[in-house]
Amino acid sequence: MLTYKKANNKVILKKAAVLFFASVFCLGLFYFVFSPLIIYSSSEATAAGGSVSIVKKMLEPLTSVFPFSAPFAFAATVSPQAATTTATVSVLKEIIITSGGNVTVGNIYGITGNYGAPVVGTATFTITTNSATGFQMTVQASSTPALSSSGYYFADYSKIAPTTVSYTWTSPALGTTAFGFSLLAGTAADEYGMFQQSGSVCNAGSGTVSSDAHCWSGFTGSTAVTVINRTSATGGAGEAEKITFSAEYRGNPGTTILGSGTYTATITATATAN
């Protein structure tokens, strides 16, 4: 005959309570032991560029023993990281000079000459530069004297002194010739040295007026003469610097002549970035 033993509710409740508190204790112990590892692993991953693989690697021993701990380990937030770079482009200094072409100065009679009425012609040189400190321009002739033809020539115009030009054109002496030039700067302040005009004198110390009717000089063969010194870049269209040539023969019939023909002076303008 089968008999049934009446369950003791107090014993059951006691066992249940023991199991409950044991479970809570185990969970608390698990959190206390492994939570620093989870937090540390997450921060190390962030410092290493947010790589989750570092966290995973550090927690592999834990997840192999306690598989249920993996969801907690990978619940850590990985912050995004940023990096910057700098791209640079170097723009080089450059200068360009162009000429407006050859110049026909004029016609002069070879016996009577053109005393008091010099012939003139203007050459234009356009200079463009991106140099923040501007440029210098020089002019020079290919020969001494500069203007000649088949043994005949025009004497280079005489300056008052090596560094002083004449404010107005001075006609040559009887039976002699003269060939010289003046400057018309695109910007008066760019005039250099003895070509600086102030309205009534040359070599004024600073250019305030620019006129090719004043400040005349002669060429000195292949020796370069500085005429422009600009201290800033030009615009895209450049600066037009003009050199005006003048030629005069004070004839002395019965004594002197100039041989007929075309007299040529080769003049080179050079622009150099400052």
Protein backbone atom coordinates (compact mmCIF):
# COMPACT_ATOMS: atom_id res chain seq x y z
CA MET A 1 0.00 0.00 0.00
CA LEU A 2 1.37 3.38 -1.09
CA THR A 3 1.56 6.24 1.39
CA TYR A 4 2.06 9.96 0.72
CA LYS A 5 4.09 12.13 2.96
CA LYS A 6 2.66 15.58 3.40
CA ALA A 7 5.03 18.25 2.04
CA ASN A 8 6.52 20.58 4.56
CA ASN A 9 5.88 24.09 3.20
CA LYS A 10 8.30 25.64 5.61
CA VAL A 11 11.14 23.46 4.32
CA ILE A 12 10.29 24.30 0.70
CA LEU A 13 10.20 28.03 1.41
CA LYS A 14 13.46 27.78 3.28
CA LYS A 15 15.19 26.03 0.36
CA ALA A 16 13.75 28.52 -2.10
CA ALA A 17 15.02 31.41 -0.02
CA VAL A 18 18.48 29.84 0.20
CA LEU A 19 18.59 29.38 -3.59
CA PHE A 20 17.40 32.95 -4.18
CA PHE A 21 19.99 34.54 -1.91
CA ALA A 22 22.70 32.24 -3.27
CA SER A 23 21.84 33.35 -6.83
CA VAL A 24 21.89 37.02 -5.85
CA PHE A 25 25.21 36.52 -4.10
CA CYS A 26 26.71 34.80 -7.16
CA LEU A 27 25.50 37.48 -9.53
CA GLY A 28 26.86 40.21 -7.26
CA LEU A 29 30.17 38.41 -6.96
CA PHE A 30 30.33 38.01 -10.79
CA TYR A 31 29.67 41.75 -11.30
CA PHE A 32 32.22 42.73 -8.62
CA VAL A 33 34.94 40.52 -10.12
CA PHE A 34 34.44 41.06 -13.87
CA SER A 35 32.96 44.58 -14.27
CA PRO A 36 36.41 46.31 -13.94
CA LEU A 37 37.72 44.11 -16.75
CA ILE A 38 34.77 45.02 -18.99
CA ILE A 39 35.13 48.77 -18.31
CA TYR A 40 38.92 48.70 -18.74
CA SER A 41 38.67 46.74 -21.97
CA SER A 42 36.15 49.21 -23.39
CA SER A 43 38.34 52.24 -22.55
CA GLU A 44 41.42 50.55 -24.05
CA ALA A 45 39.49 49.87 -27.24
CA THR A 46 38.45 53.51 -27.47
CA ALA A 47 42.05 54.68 -26.96
CA ALA A 48 43.16 52.27 -29.68
CA GLY A 49 40.85 53.85 -32.25
CA GLY A 50 37.54 52.28 -31.26
CA SER A 51 38.51 48.77 -32.33
CA VAL A 52 36.00 46.26 -30.93
CA SER A 53 38.48 43.48 -31.71
CA ILE A 54 40.69 44.58 -28.79
CA VAL A 55 37.75 44.23 -26.35
CA LYS A 56 36.86 40.90 -27.84
CA LYS A 57 40.42 39.61 -27.55
CA MET A 58 40.77 40.69 -23.92
CA LEU A 59 37.47 39.03 -22.99
CA GLU A 60 38.01 35.76 -24.83
CA PRO A 61 39.18 33.92 -21.63
CA LEU A 62 36.11 35.19 -19.80
CA THR A 63 33.61 34.28 -22.52
CA SER A 64 35.08 30.78 -22.91
CA VAL A 65 34.46 30.02 -19.23
CA PHE A 66 31.28 32.05 -18.84
CA PRO A 67 29.58 32.17 -22.26
CA PHE A 68 26.68 34.13 -20.82
CA SER A 69 29.02 37.05 -20.04
CA ALA A 70 29.61 37.90 -23.74
CA PRO A 71 26.50 40.06 -24.19
CA PHE A 72 27.58 42.21 -21.24
CA ALA A 73 31.15 42.59 -22.62
CA PHE A 74 30.11 43.80 -26.05
CA ALA A 75 27.47 46.14 -24.79
CA ALA A 76 30.20 48.80 -24.22
CA THR A 77 29.92 51.92 -26.45
CA VAL A 78 32.88 52.64 -28.82
CA SER A 79 33.37 56.37 -29.46
CA PRO A 80 34.16 57.55 -33.05
CA GLN A 81 37.68 58.90 -33.62
CA ALA A 82 38.90 61.58 -36.09
CA ALA A 83 42.20 62.42 -37.78
CA THR A 84 43.25 65.40 -39.90
CA THR A 85 45.73 66.05 -42.69
CA THR A 86 47.07 69.21 -44.35
CA ALA A 87 47.38 69.60 -48.13
CA THR A 88 49.81 72.24 -49.42
CA VAL A 89 50.46 73.68 -52.88
CA SER A 90 53.44 75.95 -53.58
CA VAL A 91 52.88 78.74 -56.10
CA LEU A 92 56.22 79.75 -57.57
CA LYS A 93 57.42 83.26 -58.29
CA GLU A 94 57.23 84.15 -61.97
CA ILE A 95 57.83 87.14 -64.24
CA ILE A 96 57.04 87.74 -67.91
CA ILE A 97 58.10 90.63 -70.15
CA THR A 98 56.75 91.30 -73.63
CA SER A 99 57.69 93.91 -76.21
CA GLY A 100 55.33 95.88 -78.37
CA GLY A 101 57.66 95.39 -81.34
CA ASN A 102 60.18 97.41 -83.29
CA VAL A 103 60.07 101.20 -83.31
CA THR A 104 60.49 103.62 -86.21
CA VAL A 105 61.89 106.76 -84.65
CA GLY A 106 61.70 109.03 -87.69
CA ASN A 107 63.50 110.57 -90.66
CA ILE A 108 66.47 112.96 -90.52
CA TYR A 109 68.23 114.74 -93.40
CA GLY A 110 71.87 113.75 -93.61
CA ILE A 111 73.26 117.20 -94.45
CA THR A 112 71.01 119.85 -92.94
CA GLY A 113 69.85 117.67 -90.07
CA ASN A 114 66.90 118.32 -87.74
CA TYR A 115 68.28 120.79 -85.23
CA GLY A 116 65.73 121.78 -82.60
CA ALA A 117 63.23 119.15 -83.76
CA PRO A 118 64.41 115.75 -82.53
CA VAL A 119 62.54 112.72 -83.84
CA VAL A 120 61.04 110.39 -81.25
CA GLY A 121 59.59 106.89 -81.07
CA THR A 122 58.31 104.85 -78.15
CA ALA A 123 58.79 101.17 -77.29
CA THR A 124 56.42 99.58 -74.79
CA PHE A 125 57.46 96.72 -72.52
CA THR A 126 54.71 95.02 -70.52
CA ILE A 127 55.83 93.24 -67.36
CA THR A 128 53.68 90.87 -65.35
CA THR A 129 54.79 89.28 -62.08
CA ASN A 130 53.25 87.63 -59.04
CA SER A 131 56.27 88.49 -56.90
CA ALA A 132 55.05 90.17 -53.71
CA THR A 133 58.20 92.30 -53.72
CA GLY A 134 57.85 93.42 -57.33
CA PHE A 135 60.57 93.65 -59.97
CA GLN A 136 63.35 95.70 -61.49
CA MET A 137 63.68 96.64 -65.15
CA THR A 138 66.91 97.54 -66.91
CA VAL A 139 67.72 98.63 -70.45
CA GLN A 140 70.97 98.28 -72.34
CA ALA A 141 72.31 98.63 -75.87
CA SER A 142 74.17 95.98 -77.81
CA SER A 143 76.96 98.32 -78.90
CA THR A 144 78.71 101.63 -78.30
CA PRO A 145 77.49 103.91 -79.68
CA ALA A 146 74.00 102.43 -79.66
CA LEU A 147 72.70 103.81 -83.00
CA SER A 148 74.83 103.30 -86.10
CA SER A 149 74.96 102.35 -89.79
CA SER A 150 77.95 101.45 -91.99
CA GLY A 151 80.55 103.46 -90.11
CA TYR A 152 78.26 106.39 -89.35
CA TYR A 153 76.63 106.76 -85.95
CA PHE A 154 74.73 108.95 -83.49
CA ALA A 155 76.63 109.74 -80.34
CA ASP A 156 75.09 108.46 -77.10
CA TYR A 157 73.32 111.31 -75.33
CA SER A 158 75.47 112.77 -72.56
CA LYS A 159 74.15 112.84 -69.03
CA ILE A 160 74.97 115.76 -66.75
CA ALA A 161 76.79 113.30 -64.47
CA PRO A 162 77.01 109.50 -64.25
CA THR A 163 73.97 109.40 -61.97
CA THR A 164 72.26 112.60 -63.11
CA VAL A 165 70.16 112.92 -66.26
CA SER A 166 68.98 116.17 -67.85
CA TYR A 167 65.44 117.27 -67.16
CA THR A 168 64.95 118.52 -70.72
CA TRP A 169 66.45 117.32 -74.00
CA THR A 170 69.59 119.25 -74.92
CA SER A 171 70.39 119.61 -78.63
CA PRO A 172 73.88 118.52 -79.75
CA ALA A 173 76.65 120.90 -80.73
CA LEU A 174 77.05 122.07 -84.34
CA GLY A 175 77.92 119.23 -86.68
CA THR A 176 77.25 116.50 -84.07
CA THR A 177 74.53 114.02 -83.23
CA ALA A 178 72.73 112.64 -80.19
CA PHE A 179 70.66 109.53 -79.46
CA GLY A 180 69.09 108.98 -76.06
CA PHE A 181 66.01 107.83 -74.21
CA SER A 182 63.53 108.76 -71.48
CA LEU A 183 61.10 106.77 -69.34
CA LEU A 184 57.34 106.78 -69.03
CA ALA A 185 56.57 104.46 -66.10
CA GLY A 186 53.26 102.69 -65.73
CA THR A 187 53.30 103.85 -62.10
CA ALA A 188 55.22 107.01 -61.19
CA ALA A 189 56.29 105.60 -57.83
CA ASP A 190 58.12 102.78 -59.66
CA GLU A 191 60.62 105.15 -61.32
CA TYR A 192 64.14 104.35 -60.24
CA GLY A 193 67.03 106.57 -59.18
CA MET A 194 67.86 109.33 -61.64
CA PHE A 195 64.57 108.79 -63.49
CA GLN A 196 62.44 109.76 -60.48
CA GLN A 197 60.53 112.93 -61.31
CA SER A 198 58.87 115.43 -59.00
CA GLY A 199 57.54 117.82 -61.63
CA SER A 200 60.61 120.00 -62.21
CA VAL A 201 63.66 117.88 -61.44
CA CYS A 202 64.97 114.37 -61.96
CA ASN A 203 66.63 112.17 -59.35
CA ALA A 204 64.07 113.54 -56.92
CA GLY A 205 64.28 110.73 -54.38
CA SER A 206 60.78 109.51 -55.15
CA GLY A 207 58.69 109.46 -58.28
CA THR A 208 55.49 111.54 -58.18
CA VAL A 209 55.19 112.38 -61.88
CA SER A 210 55.98 110.31 -64.94
CA SER A 211 56.59 111.99 -68.32
CA ASP A 212 58.69 110.82 -71.21
CA ALA A 213 59.31 114.46 -72.15
CA HIS A 214 61.74 114.74 -69.26
CA CYS A 215 64.75 113.03 -67.67
CA TRP A 216 66.87 112.13 -70.71
CA SER A 217 69.78 109.72 -70.64
CA GLY A 218 72.10 108.03 -73.08
CA PHE A 219 72.95 104.33 -73.31
CA THR A 220 76.33 103.13 -72.10
CA GLY A 221 76.78 100.15 -74.37
CA SER A 222 76.13 96.78 -72.76
CA THR A 223 76.08 98.27 -69.26
CA ALA A 224 72.53 97.84 -67.91
CA VAL A 225 70.74 100.98 -66.74
CA THR A 226 68.05 100.44 -64.09
CA VAL A 227 64.91 102.43 -64.86
CA ILE A 228 62.17 100.73 -62.83
CA ASN A 229 62.02 99.33 -59.31
CA ARG A 230 58.56 98.16 -58.29
CA THR A 231 57.94 96.83 -54.78
CA SER A 232 54.71 94.87 -55.28
CA ALA A 233 53.12 92.40 -57.67
CA THR A 234 51.41 93.65 -60.81
CA GLY A 235 47.85 92.97 -61.81
CA GLY A 236 47.05 90.23 -64.27
CA ALA A 237 47.35 92.68 -67.18
CA GLY A 238 50.85 93.69 -66.06
CA GLU A 239 52.52 97.11 -66.03
CA ALA A 240 53.35 98.94 -69.27
CA GLU A 241 56.76 100.61 -69.08
CA LYS A 242 57.58 102.86 -72.01
CA ILE A 243 61.01 103.84 -73.32
CA THR A 244 60.97 106.85 -75.64
CA PHE A 245 63.92 107.20 -78.03
CA SER A 246 65.09 110.54 -79.39
CA ALA A 247 67.55 111.30 -82.17
CA GLU A 248 68.90 114.63 -83.43
CA TYR A 249 71.56 115.78 -85.92
CA ARG A 250 72.68 119.38 -85.91
CA GLY A 251 73.83 119.70 -89.48
CA ASN A 252 76.77 121.79 -90.60
CA PRO A 253 76.60 121.86 -94.39
CA GLY A 254 79.97 121.98 -96.05
CA THR A 255 81.63 120.42 -93.00
CA THR A 256 79.80 117.26 -91.87
CA ILE A 257 77.34 114.75 -93.25
CA LEU A 258 75.59 111.57 -92.16
CA GLY A 259 75.63 108.70 -94.63
CA SER A 260 72.21 107.71 -95.90
CA GLY A 261 70.68 104.41 -94.82
CA THR A 262 68.89 102.79 -91.92
CA TYR A 263 70.52 103.32 -88.55
CA THR A 264 69.79 100.62 -86.02
CA ALA A 265 70.02 100.36 -82.24
CA THR A 266 69.31 97.02 -80.59
CA ILE A 267 67.96 97.67 -77.10
CA THR A 268 67.30 94.94 -74.57
CA ALA A 269 64.93 95.42 -71.65
CA THR A 270 65.33 92.92 -68.82
CA ALA A 271 62.84 92.35 -66.00
CA THR A 272 64.02 90.64 -62.81
CA ALA A 273 61.74 89.69 -59.93
CA ASN A 274 62.73 91.23 -56.58
